[in-house]
C-alpha cells in the first residue's frame, strides 16, 4: 500500500512541477528585464514581512510603481537601492524580482518533493533481502540517500524563504 501512496505523491508533485515550469516559461517568454529603484517599503523596513515598493520604467516609457516579492533574508530595505526586475510586456503591473531563487523557488521545491517520493517508491519496489545479498541492501540504501537529501533541501528552501 505504501508503494502506491509514494507513487501517487511522486506523480502529483512531478506533474505539478511540470505545470509550474511550463507556466513560468510562458511568463518569462513575455517578460523584459529592467532595473527598479526602491522608493518605499511596505510592512516595515525590516523582516520577512516587508516588501519593497519599486519604481521602474518599461520599454514603452511607462513608469510603474509597485510592491514586489523577493526571496531573501535581509535586515533592511534601503530606499534608492536597485533591484533587477522582470515585467510582462502584456501586463507590466505584475512585475517580479529577476533573481533565480525568486523565479524558481516553488518549482525546485515541488521537484525535490517529487524526486524524494520517487526514490521512496523505487526503494519499495526492491525486494527486502532475506538471503543477505549485500548488493541489494546497498541499492536499497542508495535509494534512500537522494530521497533524504531531496526532502532536506525542500525543507531548507521553505525555512529560508
Protein backbone atom coordinates (compact mmCIF):
# COMPACT_ATOMS: atom_id res chain seq x y z
CA UNK A 1 0.00 0.00 0.00
CA UNK A 2 2.86 2.36 0.83
CA UNK A 3 4.28 1.77 -2.64
CA UNK A 4 1.11 3.08 -4.29
CA UNK A 5 0.96 6.09 -1.98
CA UNK A 6 4.59 7.00 -2.72
CA UNK A 7 3.94 6.63 -6.44
CA UNK A 8 0.80 8.81 -6.34
CA UNK A 9 2.54 11.53 -4.34
CA UNK A 10 5.57 11.43 -6.67
CA UNK A 11 3.32 11.66 -9.74
CA UNK A 12 1.34 14.52 -8.20
CA UNK A 13 4.43 16.59 -7.38
CA UNK A 14 6.08 15.64 -10.68
CA UNK A 15 3.03 16.79 -12.63
CA UNK A 16 2.74 19.93 -10.54
CA UNK A 17 6.42 20.68 -11.18
CA UNK A 18 5.98 20.31 -14.94
CA UNK A 19 2.92 22.55 -14.90
CA UNK A 20 4.69 25.20 -12.80
CA UNK A 21 7.79 25.16 -15.01
CA UNK A 22 5.65 25.44 -18.14
CA UNK A 23 3.72 28.37 -16.63
CA UNK A 24 6.94 30.10 -15.56
CA UNK A 25 8.46 29.67 -19.03
CA UNK A 26 5.32 31.23 -20.58
CA UNK A 27 5.67 34.22 -18.25
CA UNK A 28 9.40 34.54 -18.99
CA UNK A 29 8.79 34.41 -22.75
CA UNK A 30 6.59 37.53 -22.41
CA UNK A 31 8.89 39.33 -19.95
CA UNK A 32 11.51 42.02 -20.31
CA UNK A 33 14.30 42.82 -17.84
CA UNK A 34 14.87 46.25 -16.35
CA UNK A 35 16.21 47.80 -13.16
CA UNK A 36 13.95 49.18 -10.46
CA UNK A 37 14.66 51.56 -7.61
CA UNK A 38 13.20 51.02 -4.14
CA UNK A 39 11.05 54.05 -3.31
CA UNK A 40 9.25 52.72 -0.22
CA UNK A 41 8.88 49.64 1.96
CA UNK A 42 5.53 48.06 2.86
CA UNK A 43 5.11 46.33 6.21
CA UNK A 44 8.02 47.99 7.99
CA UNK A 45 11.60 48.48 6.95
CA UNK A 46 12.92 45.09 8.02
CA UNK A 47 11.98 41.48 8.49
CA UNK A 48 10.41 38.77 6.39
CA UNK A 49 7.06 40.54 6.08
CA UNK A 50 8.40 43.68 4.45
CA UNK A 51 8.06 44.16 0.70
CA UNK A 52 9.96 46.75 -1.30
CA UNK A 53 7.97 49.16 -3.45
CA UNK A 54 9.90 49.54 -6.68
CA UNK A 55 9.70 52.16 -9.44
CA UNK A 56 10.80 51.14 -12.91
CA UNK A 57 10.30 52.28 -16.50
CA UNK A 58 9.03 49.93 -19.20
CA UNK A 59 10.43 49.78 -22.73
CA UNK A 60 7.45 51.91 -23.82
CA UNK A 61 8.38 54.63 -21.32
CA UNK A 62 5.58 53.88 -18.83
CA UNK A 63 6.63 54.44 -15.21
CA UNK A 64 5.38 51.71 -12.87
CA UNK A 65 5.49 51.75 -9.08
CA UNK A 66 4.52 48.60 -7.21
CA UNK A 67 5.44 46.27 -4.37
CA UNK A 68 7.40 43.20 -5.45
CA UNK A 69 8.08 39.88 -3.79
CA UNK A 70 11.68 38.85 -3.18
CA UNK A 71 13.01 35.70 -1.51
CA UNK A 72 15.85 36.97 0.59
CA UNK A 73 16.68 37.33 4.22
CA UNK A 74 17.60 40.95 4.56
CA UNK A 75 17.76 43.09 7.63
CA UNK A 76 16.66 46.26 5.86
CA UNK A 77 15.45 47.60 2.55
CA UNK A 78 17.15 50.86 1.71
CA UNK A 79 15.36 53.49 -0.33
CA UNK A 80 17.34 54.13 -3.50
CA UNK A 81 18.63 50.54 -3.65
CA UNK A 82 18.28 48.98 -7.10
CA UNK A 83 16.75 45.60 -7.89
CA UNK A 84 16.73 43.63 -11.15
CA UNK A 85 13.11 43.47 -12.33
CA UNK A 86 11.24 41.36 -14.89
CA UNK A 87 7.91 42.64 -16.12
CA UNK A 88 5.41 41.19 -18.54
CA UNK A 89 5.08 43.18 -21.74
CA UNK A 90 1.36 42.40 -21.82
CA UNK A 91 0.86 43.39 -18.16
CA UNK A 92 3.70 45.49 -16.69
CA UNK A 93 1.74 45.96 -13.45
CA UNK A 94 2.71 42.41 -12.49
CA UNK A 95 6.48 42.59 -12.14
CA UNK A 96 8.82 40.35 -10.18
CA UNK A 97 12.38 40.47 -8.96
CA UNK A 98 14.67 38.92 -11.57
CA UNK A 99 16.63 36.55 -9.32
CA UNK A 100 16.96 32.79 -9.67
CA UNK A 101 15.55 31.88 -6.25
CA UNK A 102 12.64 34.26 -6.56
CA UNK A 103 11.75 32.95 -10.01
CA UNK A 104 12.25 29.21 -9.49
CA UNK A 105 11.84 28.50 -5.74
CA UNK A 106 8.44 26.78 -5.84
CA UNK A 107 9.36 24.76 -8.94
CA UNK A 108 12.54 23.47 -7.28
CA UNK A 109 10.67 22.72 -4.06
CA UNK A 110 8.00 20.64 -5.85
CA UNK A 111 10.64 18.92 -7.99
CA UNK A 112 12.61 17.91 -4.90
CA UNK A 113 9.48 16.51 -3.28
CA UNK A 114 8.73 14.55 -6.46
CA UNK A 115 12.29 13.19 -6.52
CA UNK A 116 12.16 12.22 -2.86
CA UNK A 117 8.88 10.34 -3.16
CA UNK A 118 10.02 8.74 -6.43
CA UNK A 119 13.13 7.39 -4.70
CA UNK A 120 11.00 6.05 -1.83
CA UNK A 121 8.73 4.41 -4.42
CA UNK A 122 11.72 2.77 -6.13
CA UNK A 123 13.04 1.56 -2.80
CA UNK A 124 9.69 -0.11 -2.06
CA UNK A 125 9.88 -1.96 -5.39
CA UNK A 126 13.17 -3.58 -4.48
CA UNK A 127 12.65 -6.78 -2.54
CA UNK A 128 13.86 -6.90 1.03
CA UNK A 129 16.96 -9.04 1.15
CA UNK A 130 16.45 -12.10 3.30
CA UNK A 131 19.37 -14.03 1.84
CA UNK A 132 21.93 -11.48 2.98
CA UNK A 133 22.63 -10.16 -0.55
CA UNK A 134 24.84 -7.14 0.22
CA UNK A 135 24.43 -5.68 -3.29
CA UNK A 136 20.65 -5.48 -2.91
CA UNK A 137 20.99 -3.89 0.54
CA UNK A 138 23.36 -1.29 -0.94
CA UNK A 139 20.88 -0.45 -3.72
CA UNK A 140 18.05 -0.05 -1.19
CA UNK A 141 20.21 2.30 0.89
CA UNK A 142 21.23 4.23 -2.24
CA UNK A 143 17.54 4.89 -2.93
CA UNK A 144 17.16 6.47 0.50
CA UNK A 145 20.13 8.84 0.19
CA UNK A 146 18.73 11.04 -2.65
CA UNK A 147 15.27 10.88 -1.07
CA UNK A 148 16.69 12.12 2.24
CA UNK A 149 18.63 14.96 0.61
CA UNK A 150 15.69 15.93 -1.62
CA UNK A 151 13.44 16.25 1.44
CA UNK A 152 16.18 18.03 3.38
CA UNK A 153 16.71 20.63 0.64
CA UNK A 154 12.96 21.08 0.18
CA UNK A 155 12.58 21.80 3.90
CA UNK A 156 15.59 24.13 3.85
CA UNK A 157 14.05 26.07 0.96
CA UNK A 158 10.82 26.51 2.94
CA UNK A 159 12.67 27.69 6.04
CA UNK A 160 14.99 30.08 4.19
CA UNK A 161 12.10 31.60 2.24
